[in-house]
Each structure stands twice: as C-alpha cells, then as structure tokens.
Amino acid sequence: MSEENDWLRLLREAVSPLESGVRGLRVTGYRPPDTSSYRPSRTAAVLVPVLDLPEPEIVLTRRADHLPQHPGQVSFPGGAAEEDDNSAVETALREAHEEIGLPPDAARPIGFLDRMDTISDYRVLPVVALVKSQPPVNWVLELSEVAEVFTVPFSVALDARRYVSYKLDRTDPARRVWSMDWDGRRIWGATAAMLMNLIERMERIRERQTTAVGDGT
C-alpha cells in the first residue's frame, strides 16, 4: 500500500465501525460533582469531516460570536438530534449541510469515536466521515450559527505533542481539558477531547501493529 494511503488505512482501523452501533462505545466528558450516575437529557451528533486528499485535512468551524452557548469557540459541525432523524449519522450529516453547506453525498461516514457528555446537557456522538476533494466543496455558512469554516492538516490535528491539558476545576483534579493553538485559533474543550480520542485510538492501532511485527506475526 502506498505511503499516501497509510493515514486512511489507519483511520479506518481506529474508528468504531458503523455497523457495530454505539453500545460498545465509552462515554467520557462532564460529570456533575458528587454524582455517581449521570445521563444528559438530550442527544446530539457532530461530524468529524476529513478531506480525502494526499495530505488530508480536518474541517472545523468557529461558532458565531452572538450565540448564547459557547460563542466563538471552535467546534465540529453538528447539533441536537431531531425527531425526523433516523440515526446519529443522519443528524451529523444534516447539521453539517445546514451549518456549512456540506452536501450529504460528498461525505462518506466511516465510523464513530467515543461518546461525550457535555456541561450543556448533551450526550454527543462524533461521526467520522471522508469528504470528497473533487470537486472541491463550496462552503456555504449559516451565519446565524457559524462565523467561519477552516481546515487543519491531519498531521497537525492528530499530533499529541501539540496539545496541553490543564485543570478546569480546582476542586476536581480529575477534570482536565485539552487545548491546542493553530493559526491564531484555540481548539479546546470537547472538540480537542474528541481529537485526542482519535489520537489515542490511532496510537493503539500502531502499538498493536508494532507488537505483531515484533512477534513475527
């Protein structure tokens, strides 16, 4: 297999297959203090769009500054599930189309990352999708929700050395958030945590491959 396709093979192996569903996925993220069990009241899905290029790129958005929740923050396109959505995949594709004009037929979902509970009372499912590079997507922003769309090189977004973590709550040392600065933007919080989840998954695949080679299998 050519070197330029290594990233795609690794990505496919790292994500959880769509056909396996979500029951086996971990749930990470926010937990209220002194709460043994927690289940957000709402569900949502985001699309993790990867431009299928020889040098792939990850598509991100910056939320509009006037929004009541998380204004100006970097995020993946996505949102709350609606009654007419048949699946989380459909939610993620619909939201990406509404927010940044990504045609659903230009995105090919390939798997899930782990679910994440957020402080805004959502359980979010990240859906990883390959986005066709030809013809190039003409991004059309829903300006009431999105201020801009931009891309980060795959090699940058998935380089664990670029991330730092810090305590979010001094009273709860376990609560830490990840952050990375790129091209004048700060990628942090849930979005950075989702990217770290993908990094961890890809590193596990690499470790298994290294072990297999060392064992001569």
C-alpha atoms as a PDB file:
ATOM      1  CA  MET A   1       0.000   0.000   0.000  1.00  0.00           C
ATOM      2  CA  SER A   2       1.385   3.440  -0.896  1.00  0.00           C
ATOM      3  CA  GLU A   3       2.551   5.728   1.876  1.00  0.00           C
ATOM      4  CA  GLU A   4      -0.001   8.389   0.992  1.00  0.00           C
ATOM      5  CA  ASN A   5      -2.790   5.948   1.850  1.00  0.00           C
ATOM      6  CA  ASP A   6      -1.347   4.905   5.213  1.00  0.00           C
ATOM      7  CA  TRP A   7      -3.343   7.564   7.038  1.00  0.00           C
ATOM      8  CA  LEU A   8      -6.597   6.301   5.539  1.00  0.00           C
ATOM      9  CA  ARG A   9      -5.946   2.684   6.438  1.00  0.00           C
ATOM     10  CA  LEU A  10      -5.046   3.702   9.990  1.00  0.00           C
ATOM     11  CA  LEU A  11      -8.105   5.932  10.298  1.00  0.00           C
ATOM     12  CA  ARG A  12     -10.450   3.166   9.155  1.00  0.00           C
ATOM     13  CA  GLU A  13      -8.997   0.763  11.701  1.00  0.00           C
ATOM     14  CA  ALA A  14      -9.101   3.324  14.511  1.00  0.00           C
ATOM     15  CA  VAL A  15     -12.776   4.311  14.357  1.00  0.00           C
ATOM     16  CA  SER A  16     -15.580   2.098  15.640  1.00  0.00           C
ATOM     17  CA  PRO A  17     -17.455   0.562  12.688  1.00  0.00           C
ATOM     18  CA  LEU A  18     -20.874   1.996  11.947  1.00  0.00           C
ATOM     19  CA  GLU A  19     -22.400  -1.474  11.859  1.00  0.00           C
ATOM     20  CA  SER A  20     -21.296  -2.121  15.454  1.00  0.00           C
ATOM     21  CA  GLY A  21     -23.570   0.640  16.737  1.00  0.00           C
ATOM     22  CA  VAL A  22     -22.903   2.774  19.802  1.00  0.00           C
ATOM     23  CA  ARG A  23     -23.493   0.427  22.738  1.00  0.00           C
ATOM     24  CA  GLY A  24     -19.861  -0.582  22.930  1.00  0.00           C
ATOM     25  CA  LEU A  25     -18.550   2.987  22.905  1.00  0.00           C
ATOM     26  CA  ARG A  26     -17.120   4.574  26.019  1.00  0.00           C
ATOM     27  CA  VAL A  27     -18.827   7.606  27.498  1.00  0.00           C
ATOM     28  CA  THR A  28     -16.463  10.355  28.614  1.00  0.00           C
ATOM     29  CA  GLY A  29     -16.743  14.027  29.455  1.00  0.00           C
ATOM     30  CA  TYR A  30     -18.583  16.071  32.027  1.00  0.00           C
ATOM     31  CA  ARG A  31     -19.775  14.630  35.315  1.00  0.00           C
ATOM     32  CA  PRO A  32     -21.552  16.764  37.922  1.00  0.00           C
ATOM     33  CA  PRO A  33     -19.734  16.728  41.269  1.00  0.00           C
ATOM     34  CA  ASP A  34     -20.888  14.118  43.786  1.00  0.00           C
ATOM     35  CA  THR A  35     -22.976  12.338  41.165  1.00  0.00           C
ATOM     36  CA  SER A  36     -22.495   8.588  40.797  1.00  0.00           C
ATOM     37  CA  SER A  37     -24.690   8.252  37.719  1.00  0.00           C
ATOM     38  CA  TYR A  38     -25.306  10.843  35.068  1.00  0.00           C
ATOM     39  CA  ARG A  39     -27.193  10.831  31.808  1.00  0.00           C
ATOM     40  CA  PRO A  40     -27.749  14.062  29.831  1.00  0.00           C
ATOM     41  CA  SER A  41     -31.326  14.718  28.818  1.00  0.00           C
ATOM     42  CA  ARG A  42     -30.524  15.435  25.161  1.00  0.00           C
ATOM     43  CA  THR A  43     -28.577  13.712  22.388  1.00  0.00           C
ATOM     44  CA  ALA A  44     -26.538  15.264  19.620  1.00  0.00           C
ATOM     45  CA  ALA A  45     -24.087  14.290  16.909  1.00  0.00           C
ATOM     46  CA  VAL A  46     -21.175  16.046  15.273  1.00  0.00           C
ATOM     47  CA  LEU A  47     -19.446  15.327  12.009  1.00  0.00           C
ATOM     48  CA  VAL A  48     -15.664  14.949  12.033  1.00  0.00           C
ATOM     49  CA  PRO A  49     -15.031  15.701   8.347  1.00  0.00           C
ATOM     50  CA  VAL A  50     -11.697  14.577   6.886  1.00  0.00           C
ATOM     51  CA  LEU A  51     -10.866  15.928   3.431  1.00  0.00           C
ATOM     52  CA  ASP A  52      -9.723  12.952   1.355  1.00  0.00           C
ATOM     53  CA  LEU A  53      -6.513  14.454  -0.026  1.00  0.00           C
ATOM     54  CA  PRO A  54      -2.951  13.154  -0.421  1.00  0.00           C
ATOM     55  CA  GLU A  55      -2.263  15.448   2.553  1.00  0.00           C
ATOM     56  CA  PRO A  56      -5.605  15.148   4.379  1.00  0.00           C
ATOM     57  CA  GLU A  57      -7.178  17.953   6.380  1.00  0.00           C
ATOM     58  CA  ILE A  58      -9.753  18.075   9.168  1.00  0.00           C
ATOM     59  CA  VAL A  59     -12.623  20.546   8.781  1.00  0.00           C
ATOM     60  CA  LEU A  60     -13.584  22.699  11.767  1.00  0.00           C
ATOM     61  CA  THR A  61     -15.858  25.661  12.356  1.00  0.00           C
ATOM     62  CA  ARG A  62     -15.859  28.673  14.630  1.00  0.00           C
ATOM     63  CA  ARG A  63     -19.202  29.308  16.248  1.00  0.00           C
ATOM     64  CA  ALA A  64     -20.887  32.676  15.810  1.00  0.00           C
ATOM     65  CA  ASP A  65     -19.979  35.224  18.472  1.00  0.00           C
ATOM     66  CA  HIS A  66     -23.591  36.036  19.346  1.00  0.00           C
ATOM     67  CA  LEU A  67     -24.651  32.503  20.281  1.00  0.00           C
ATOM     68  CA  PRO A  68     -25.787  32.054  23.896  1.00  0.00           C
ATOM     69  CA  GLN A  69     -23.755  28.849  24.360  1.00  0.00           C
ATOM     70  CA  HIS A  70     -20.039  28.533  23.552  1.00  0.00           C
ATOM     71  CA  PRO A  71     -19.847  31.718  21.424  1.00  0.00           C
ATOM     72  CA  GLY A  72     -16.791  31.987  19.202  1.00  0.00           C
ATOM     73  CA  GLN A  73     -15.493  28.546  20.109  1.00  0.00           C
ATOM     74  CA  VAL A  74     -14.004  26.109  17.616  1.00  0.00           C
ATOM     75  CA  SER A  75     -16.182  23.067  17.045  1.00  0.00           C
ATOM     76  CA  PHE A  76     -17.148  20.358  14.612  1.00  0.00           C
ATOM     77  CA  PRO A  77     -20.349  20.917  12.630  1.00  0.00           C
ATOM     78  CA  GLY A  78     -23.232  19.273  14.416  1.00  0.00           C
ATOM     79  CA  GLY A  79     -26.150  19.689  16.746  1.00  0.00           C
ATOM     80  CA  ALA A  80     -29.115  18.182  18.512  1.00  0.00           C
ATOM     81  CA  ALA A  81     -30.977  15.200  17.147  1.00  0.00           C
ATOM     82  CA  GLU A  82     -34.393  15.982  15.686  1.00  0.00           C
ATOM     83  CA  GLU A  83     -37.477  13.789  15.635  1.00  0.00           C
ATOM     84  CA  ASP A  84     -37.196  13.161  11.897  1.00  0.00           C
ATOM     85  CA  ASP A  85     -33.574  11.969  12.133  1.00  0.00           C
ATOM     86  CA  ASN A  86     -33.365   8.208  11.718  1.00  0.00           C
ATOM     87  CA  SER A  87     -29.877   7.941  13.199  1.00  0.00           C
ATOM     88  CA  ALA A  88     -26.975   9.895  14.650  1.00  0.00           C
ATOM     89  CA  VAL A  89     -25.272   9.666  11.265  1.00  0.00           C
ATOM     90  CA  GLU A  90     -28.246  11.381   9.692  1.00  0.00           C
ATOM     91  CA  THR A  91     -28.157  14.061  12.403  1.00  0.00           C
ATOM     92  CA  ALA A  92     -24.466  14.768  11.794  1.00  0.00           C
ATOM     93  CA  LEU A  93     -24.865  14.944   8.002  1.00  0.00           C
ATOM     94  CA  ARG A  94     -27.957  17.144   8.238  1.00  0.00           C
ATOM     95  CA  GLU A  95     -26.307  19.564  10.631  1.00  0.00           C
ATOM     96  CA  ALA A  96     -23.136  19.775   8.519  1.00  0.00           C
ATOM     97  CA  HIS A  97     -25.252  20.567   5.477  1.00  0.00           C
ATOM     98  CA  GLU A  98     -27.227  23.229   7.338  1.00  0.00           C
ATOM     99  CA  GLU A  99     -24.227  24.855   9.029  1.00  0.00           C
ATOM    100  CA  ILE A 100     -21.508  24.814   6.363  1.00  0.00           C
ATOM    101  CA  GLY A 101     -23.228  23.644   3.171  1.00  0.00           C
ATOM    102  CA  LEU A 102     -21.531  20.232   3.048  1.00  0.00           C
ATOM    103  CA  PRO A 103     -23.624  18.126   0.620  1.00  0.00           C
ATOM    104  CA  PRO A 104     -24.544  14.816   2.285  1.00  0.00           C
ATOM    105  CA  ASP A 105     -23.493  12.889  -0.809  1.00  0.00           C
ATOM    106  CA  ALA A 106     -19.996  14.422  -0.582  1.00  0.00           C
ATOM    107  CA  ALA A 107     -19.387  12.910   2.856  1.00  0.00           C
ATOM    108  CA  ARG A 108     -18.925   9.191   3.454  1.00  0.00           C
ATOM    109  CA  PRO A 109     -19.262   8.242   7.155  1.00  0.00           C
ATOM    110  CA  ILE A 110     -16.790   5.529   8.145  1.00  0.00           C
ATOM    111  CA  GLY A 111     -17.169   5.164  11.912  1.00  0.00           C
ATOM    112  CA  PHE A 112     -17.662   6.574  15.392  1.00  0.00           C
ATOM    113  CA  LEU A 113     -15.496   7.961  18.143  1.00  0.00           C
ATOM    114  CA  ASP A 114     -16.433   7.604  21.814  1.00  0.00           C
ATOM    115  CA  ARG A 115     -19.480   9.447  23.069  1.00  0.00           C
ATOM    116  CA  MET A 116     -19.016  12.570  25.147  1.00  0.00           C
ATOM    117  CA  ASP A 117     -21.249  14.168  27.765  1.00  0.00           C
ATOM    118  CA  THR A 118     -21.105  17.949  27.840  1.00  0.00           C
ATOM    119  CA  ILE A 119     -21.813  20.537  30.501  1.00  0.00           C
ATOM    120  CA  SER A 120     -24.629  21.862  28.280  1.00  0.00           C
ATOM    121  CA  ASP A 121     -26.631  18.648  28.961  1.00  0.00           C
ATOM    122  CA  TYR A 122     -25.919  16.756  25.711  1.00  0.00           C
ATOM    123  CA  ARG A 123     -24.551  13.305  25.006  1.00  0.00           C
ATOM    124  CA  VAL A 124     -22.647  13.836  21.763  1.00  0.00           C
ATOM    125  CA  LEU A 125     -21.672  11.163  19.248  1.00  0.00           C
ATOM    126  CA  PRO A 126     -18.811  12.047  16.864  1.00  0.00           C
ATOM    127  CA  VAL A 127     -19.246  10.609  13.358  1.00  0.00           C
ATOM    128  CA  VAL A 128     -16.039  10.467  11.308  1.00  0.00           C
ATOM    129  CA  ALA A 129     -16.556  10.964   7.575  1.00  0.00           C
ATOM    130  CA  LEU A 130     -14.365  11.181   4.477  1.00  0.00           C
ATOM    131  CA  VAL A 131     -15.166  14.198   2.329  1.00  0.00           C
ATOM    132  CA  LYS A 132     -14.591  14.142  -1.419  1.00  0.00           C
ATOM    133  CA  SER A 133     -11.913  16.546  -2.579  1.00  0.00           C
ATOM    134  CA  GLN A 134     -13.107  16.630  -6.190  1.00  0.00           C
ATOM    135  CA  PRO A 135     -14.955  18.678  -6.987  1.00  0.00           C
ATOM    136  CA  PRO A 136     -13.948  20.958  -4.078  1.00  0.00           C
ATOM    137  CA  VAL A 137     -16.721  21.669  -1.601  1.00  0.00           C
ATOM    138  CA  ASN A 138     -18.111  25.190  -1.781  1.00  0.00           C
ATOM    139  CA  TRP A 139     -18.652  26.038   1.872  1.00  0.00           C
ATOM    140  CA  VAL A 140     -21.894  27.943   2.457  1.00  0.00           C
ATOM    141  CA  LEU A 141     -22.102  29.174   6.039  1.00  0.00           C
ATOM    142  CA  GLU A 142     -25.241  29.582   8.098  1.00  0.00           C
ATOM    143  CA  LEU A 143     -24.072  32.856   9.610  1.00  0.00           C
ATOM    144  CA  SER A 144     -26.594  32.732  12.422  1.00  0.00           C
ATOM    145  CA  GLU A 145     -24.615  29.764  13.770  1.00  0.00           C
ATOM    146  CA  VAL A 146     -21.169  29.718  12.160  1.00  0.00           C
ATOM    147  CA  ALA A 147     -18.650  32.546  11.839  1.00  0.00           C
ATOM    148  CA  GLU A 148     -16.120  30.646   9.713  1.00  0.00           C
ATOM    149  CA  VAL A 149     -15.015  27.263   8.446  1.00  0.00           C
ATOM    150  CA  PHE A 150     -11.351  26.322   8.264  1.00  0.00           C
ATOM    151  CA  THR A 151      -9.131  23.272   7.978  1.00  0.00           C
ATOM    152  CA  VAL A 152      -6.224  21.904   9.985  1.00  0.00           C
ATOM    153  CA  PRO A 153      -3.720  19.481   8.460  1.00  0.00           C
ATOM    154  CA  PHE A 154      -4.415  15.928   9.581  1.00  0.00           C
ATOM    155  CA  SER A 155      -0.789  15.587  10.690  1.00  0.00           C
ATOM    156  CA  VAL A 156      -1.165  18.664  12.917  1.00  0.00           C
ATOM    157  CA  ALA A 157      -4.585  17.902  14.412  1.00  0.00           C
ATOM    158  CA  LEU A 158      -3.500  14.361  15.315  1.00  0.00           C
ATOM    159  CA  ASP A 159      -0.116  15.210  16.789  1.00  0.00           C
ATOM    160  CA  ALA A 160      -0.471  14.642  20.533  1.00  0.00           C
ATOM    161  CA  ARG A 161       2.657  16.715  21.224  1.00  0.00           C
ATOM    162  CA  ARG A 162       0.809  19.855  20.170  1.00  0.00           C
ATOM    163  CA  TYR A 163      -1.809  19.530  22.923  1.00  0.00           C
ATOM    164  CA  VAL A 164      -1.623  20.678  26.509  1.00  0.00           C
ATOM    165  CA  SER A 165      -4.018  19.854  29.322  1.00  0.00           C
ATOM    166  CA  TYR A 166      -4.969  21.870  32.363  1.00  0.00           C
ATOM    167  CA  LYS A 167      -7.351  21.644  35.298  1.00  0.00           C
ATOM    168  CA  LEU A 168     -10.806  23.009  34.656  1.00  0.00           C
ATOM    169  CA  ASP A 169     -11.934  22.829  38.273  1.00  0.00           C
ATOM    170  CA  ARG A 170      -9.528  23.133  41.204  1.00  0.00           C
ATOM    171  CA  THR A 171     -11.935  21.197  43.405  1.00  0.00           C
ATOM    172  CA  ASP A 172     -11.940  18.240  40.999  1.00  0.00           C
ATOM    173  CA  PRO A 173      -8.401  17.303  39.872  1.00  0.00           C
ATOM    174  CA  ALA A 174      -9.785  14.644  37.511  1.00  0.00           C
ATOM    175  CA  ARG A 175     -11.499  17.257  35.381  1.00  0.00           C
ATOM    176  CA  ARG A 176      -8.949  18.377  32.826  1.00  0.00           C
ATOM    177  CA  VAL A 177      -9.371  19.889  29.382  1.00  0.00           C
ATOM    178  CA  TRP A 178      -7.184  19.664  26.297  1.00  0.00           C
ATOM    179  CA  SER A 179      -6.126  22.623  24.202  1.00  0.00           C
ATOM    180  CA  MET A 180      -4.153  23.287  21.024  1.00  0.00           C
ATOM    181  CA  ASP A 181      -3.364  26.563  19.268  1.00  0.00           C
ATOM    182  CA  TRP A 182      -3.346  26.628  15.478  1.00  0.00           C
ATOM    183  CA  ASP A 183      -3.110  29.574  13.100  1.00  0.00           C
ATOM    184  CA  GLY A 184      -4.419  32.065  15.646  1.00  0.00           C
ATOM    185  CA  ARG A 185      -7.267  29.824  16.828  1.00  0.00           C
ATOM    186  CA  ARG A 186      -7.635  27.829  20.008  1.00  0.00           C
ATOM    187  CA  ILE A 187      -9.026  24.322  19.694  1.00  0.00           C
ATOM    188  CA  TRP A 188     -10.056  23.176  23.135  1.00  0.00           C
ATOM    189  CA  GLY A 189     -12.752  21.607  25.289  1.00  0.00           C
ATOM    190  CA  ALA A 190     -14.963  18.930  23.777  1.00  0.00           C
ATOM    191  CA  THR A 191     -13.542  19.402  20.276  1.00  0.00           C
ATOM    192  CA  ALA A 192      -9.956  18.908  21.423  1.00  0.00           C
ATOM    193  CA  ALA A 193     -11.041  15.947  23.567  1.00  0.00           C
ATOM    194  CA  MET A 194     -12.630  14.283  20.531  1.00  0.00           C
ATOM    195  CA  LEU A 195      -9.414  14.750  18.561  1.00  0.00           C
ATOM    196  CA  MET A 196      -7.443  13.314  21.470  1.00  0.00           C
ATOM    197  CA  ASN A 197      -9.785  10.340  21.479  1.00  0.00           C
ATOM    198  CA  LEU A 198      -8.963   9.748  17.813  1.00  0.00           C
ATOM    199  CA  ILE A 199      -5.245  10.151  18.559  1.00  0.00           C
ATOM    200  CA  GLU A 200      -5.463   7.543  21.330  1.00  0.00           C
ATOM    201  CA  ARG A 201      -7.327   5.144  19.062  1.00  0.00           C
ATOM    202  CA  MET A 202      -4.758   5.513  16.284  1.00  0.00           C
ATOM    203  CA  GLU A 203      -1.883   5.043  18.733  1.00  0.00           C
ATOM    204  CA  ARG A 204      -3.432   1.780  19.942  1.00  0.00           C
ATOM    205  CA  ILE A 205      -3.558   0.540  16.354  1.00  0.00           C
ATOM    206  CA  ARG A 206       0.108   1.478  15.848  1.00  0.00           C
ATOM    207  CA  GLU A 207       1.084  -0.303  19.069  1.00  0.00           C
ATOM    208  CA  ARG A 208      -0.727  -3.478  18.003  1.00  0.00           C
ATOM    209  CA  GLN A 209       0.993  -3.364  14.633  1.00  0.00           C
ATOM    210  CA  THR A 210       4.401  -2.882  16.263  1.00  0.00           C
ATOM    211  CA  THR A 211       3.764  -5.780  18.637  1.00  0.00           C
ATOM    212  CA  ALA A 212       2.652  -8.001  15.757  1.00  0.00           C
ATOM    213  CA  VAL A 213       5.823  -7.203  13.818  1.00  0.00           C
ATOM    214  CA  GLY A 214       7.956  -7.841  16.909  1.00  0.00           C
ATOM    215  CA  ASP A 215       6.266 -11.219  17.406  1.00  0.00           C
ATOM    216  CA  GLY A 216       6.884 -12.097  13.783  1.00  0.00           C
ATOM    217  CA  THR A 217       3.165 -12.446  13.025  1.00  0.00           C
END
